[in-house]
Amino acid sequence: MSTKTQQSAEDYVAAHPEDRKLAINMVRDMIRNNLPAGYEETFQQGMHSYVIPLETYPKTYNKLPLMLAGLASQKNYMTVYLMDIYGNRNDEACFVDRYKATGKKLNMGKSCVRFKTIDDLPIELIGEGIDRTPVAAFLEMYESVKWKP
């Protein structure tokens, strides 16, 4: 199965086994239900992406919309990318503490939270993180850390 070549979010989900479909759809619904106004769901770079449209903020480093969150399925696990905690140590520390308080094992990279099943992920915590990042706050964070020539 080559999910990187899928053209739509629906095709991407459909290409996965049932357990992955369920997990991806549950996380996708949680993100969409908590997504502040001004973001939109797209499918880019081989994953569901929740972005600030280029019409709103065109000055990005890679000419792609700024991504608040992403959702992908890799070979051995699924991943939620949370760019609002990437580069924000206080929010990251709070997220990590709250995640660990759920009793679930955290498997995290710089901005990604990896999980094998939906039961491994405190899905409500993901929704809360998405909900607390309005476009203006995300742009302020981005502007404060982006490279300036």
Protein backbone atom coordinates (compact mmCIF):
# COMPACT_ATOMS: atom_id res chain seq x y z
CA MET A 1 0.00 0.00 0.00
CA SER A 2 1.48 3.34 -1.01
CA THR A 3 -0.29 6.03 0.97
CA LYS A 4 2.11 8.74 -0.20
CA THR A 5 0.51 8.72 -3.66
CA GLN A 6 -3.11 9.06 -2.49
CA GLN A 7 -4.80 12.18 -3.82
CA SER A 8 -7.42 12.86 -1.16
CA ALA A 9 -7.92 12.51 2.56
CA GLU A 10 -10.70 9.99 1.94
CA ASP A 11 -8.53 7.89 -0.40
CA TYR A 12 -5.74 7.98 2.19
CA VAL A 13 -8.00 6.63 4.93
CA ALA A 14 -9.57 4.03 2.64
CA ALA A 15 -6.13 2.58 1.80
CA HIS A 16 -5.60 1.42 5.40
CA PRO A 17 -6.71 -1.65 7.38
CA GLU A 18 -9.87 -1.26 9.48
CA ASP A 19 -8.10 -0.66 12.81
CA ARG A 20 -6.06 2.15 11.28
CA LYS A 21 -9.11 3.62 9.56
CA LEU A 22 -10.88 3.78 12.90
CA ALA A 23 -7.92 5.41 14.66
CA ILE A 24 -7.23 7.90 11.88
CA ASN A 25 -10.89 8.89 11.65
CA MET A 26 -11.20 9.30 15.43
CA VAL A 27 -8.15 11.56 15.64
CA ARG A 28 -9.19 13.41 12.49
CA ASP A 29 -12.65 14.06 13.97
CA MET A 30 -11.14 15.23 17.26
CA ILE A 31 -8.87 17.68 15.44
CA ARG A 32 -11.64 18.98 13.16
CA ASN A 33 -14.09 19.36 16.06
CA ASN A 34 -11.57 21.48 17.98
CA LEU A 35 -9.95 23.38 15.11
CA PRO A 36 -10.22 27.15 15.69
CA ALA A 37 -11.66 29.39 13.00
CA GLY A 38 -9.21 30.33 10.27
CA TYR A 39 -7.57 26.92 9.80
CA GLU A 40 -8.54 24.45 7.12
CA GLU A 41 -8.05 20.75 6.58
CA THR A 42 -5.96 19.84 3.55
CA PHE A 43 -4.01 16.83 2.42
CA GLN A 44 -0.38 17.67 1.73
CA GLN A 45 2.99 16.02 2.07
CA GLY A 46 1.33 12.61 2.38
CA MET A 47 -0.81 13.41 5.42
CA HIS A 48 -3.90 15.13 6.71
CA SER A 49 -2.82 18.69 7.44
CA TYR A 50 -4.55 21.43 9.39
CA VAL A 51 -3.19 24.68 8.07
CA ILE A 52 -3.44 28.45 7.83
CA PRO A 53 -4.33 28.99 4.17
CA LEU A 54 -1.83 30.84 1.98
CA GLU A 55 -4.53 33.45 1.32
CA THR A 56 -4.30 34.33 5.02
CA TYR A 57 -0.52 33.99 5.46
CA PRO A 58 1.53 33.60 2.27
CA LYS A 59 5.01 34.34 3.72
CA THR A 60 6.03 30.78 4.54
CA TYR A 61 9.53 29.33 4.35
CA ASN A 62 8.56 26.51 1.98
CA LYS A 63 5.70 28.11 0.01
CA LEU A 64 3.24 25.68 1.68
CA PRO A 65 0.56 26.72 4.16
CA LEU A 66 1.69 26.83 7.79
CA MET A 67 0.71 23.59 9.47
CA LEU A 68 -0.73 23.61 12.98
CA ALA A 69 -1.24 19.85 13.04
CA GLY A 70 -0.81 16.80 10.88
CA LEU A 71 -2.01 13.22 10.98
CA ALA A 72 -0.17 10.40 9.24
CA SER A 73 0.07 6.64 9.15
CA GLN A 74 3.54 5.16 8.84
CA LYS A 75 4.60 1.54 8.59
CA ASN A 76 4.85 0.79 12.33
CA TYR A 77 2.68 3.49 13.91
CA MET A 78 0.46 6.50 13.36
CA THR A 79 1.57 10.02 14.14
CA VAL A 80 -0.03 13.28 15.20
CA TYR A 81 2.17 16.30 14.51
CA LEU A 82 1.55 19.21 16.89
CA MET A 83 3.41 22.25 15.68
CA ASP A 84 1.97 24.45 18.43
CA ILE A 85 4.12 22.66 21.00
CA TYR A 86 7.18 22.50 18.76
CA GLY A 87 9.45 25.33 19.79
CA ASN A 88 7.33 26.30 22.78
CA ARG A 89 8.96 24.69 25.79
CA ASN A 90 6.28 25.69 28.29
CA ASP A 91 3.46 24.25 26.19
CA GLU A 92 5.52 21.16 25.46
CA ALA A 93 6.26 20.57 29.15
CA CYS A 94 2.59 21.02 30.02
CA PHE A 95 1.56 18.63 27.24
CA VAL A 96 4.09 15.99 28.34
CA ASP A 97 3.01 16.23 31.99
CA ARG A 98 -0.67 15.98 31.12
CA TYR A 99 -0.02 13.09 28.72
CA LYS A 100 1.91 11.13 31.35
CA ALA A 101 -0.81 11.82 33.93
CA THR A 102 -3.20 9.80 31.75
CA GLY A 103 -1.10 6.70 32.41
CA LYS A 104 -0.48 6.17 28.71
CA LYS A 105 3.07 5.74 27.45
CA LEU A 106 4.32 8.78 25.54
CA ASN A 107 6.31 8.16 22.36
CA MET A 108 7.22 11.64 21.18
CA GLY A 109 9.68 13.33 18.87
CA LYS A 110 10.15 17.08 18.42
CA SER A 111 6.60 17.74 17.23
CA CYS A 112 5.17 14.27 16.76
CA VAL A 113 3.30 11.92 19.01
CA ARG A 114 3.47 8.34 17.79
CA PHE A 115 0.85 5.72 18.64
CA LYS A 116 0.12 2.17 17.51
CA THR A 117 -3.56 2.02 18.45
CA ILE A 118 -6.17 4.59 19.35
CA ASP A 119 -6.06 3.26 22.94
CA ASP A 120 -2.43 4.47 23.17
CA LEU A 121 -3.44 8.10 22.60
CA PRO A 122 -5.24 10.43 25.04
CA ILE A 123 -7.36 11.78 22.22
CA GLU A 124 -9.06 14.46 24.34
CA LEU A 125 -5.65 15.97 25.12
CA ILE A 126 -5.00 16.29 21.39
CA GLY A 127 -8.30 18.11 20.95
CA GLU A 128 -7.51 20.47 23.83
CA GLY A 129 -4.13 21.31 22.32
CA ILE A 130 -5.69 22.09 18.96
CA ASP A 131 -8.46 24.18 20.54
CA ARG A 132 -6.10 26.42 22.48
CA THR A 133 -4.19 27.67 19.45
CA PRO A 134 -6.07 30.34 17.49
CA VAL A 135 -4.56 31.50 14.21
CA ALA A 136 -3.31 34.79 15.70
CA ALA A 137 -1.45 32.99 18.50
CA PHE A 138 0.11 30.48 16.09
CA LEU A 139 1.24 33.25 13.74
CA GLU A 140 2.72 35.18 16.66
CA MET A 141 4.69 32.10 17.73
CA TYR A 142 5.79 31.42 14.14
CA GLU A 143 6.92 35.01 13.62
CA SER A 144 8.91 34.95 16.86
CA VAL A 145 10.94 31.88 15.88
CA LYS A 146 11.20 31.98 12.10
CA TRP A 147 14.51 32.64 10.44
CA LYS A 148 14.91 36.23 9.34
CA PRO A 149 17.36 37.05 6.53
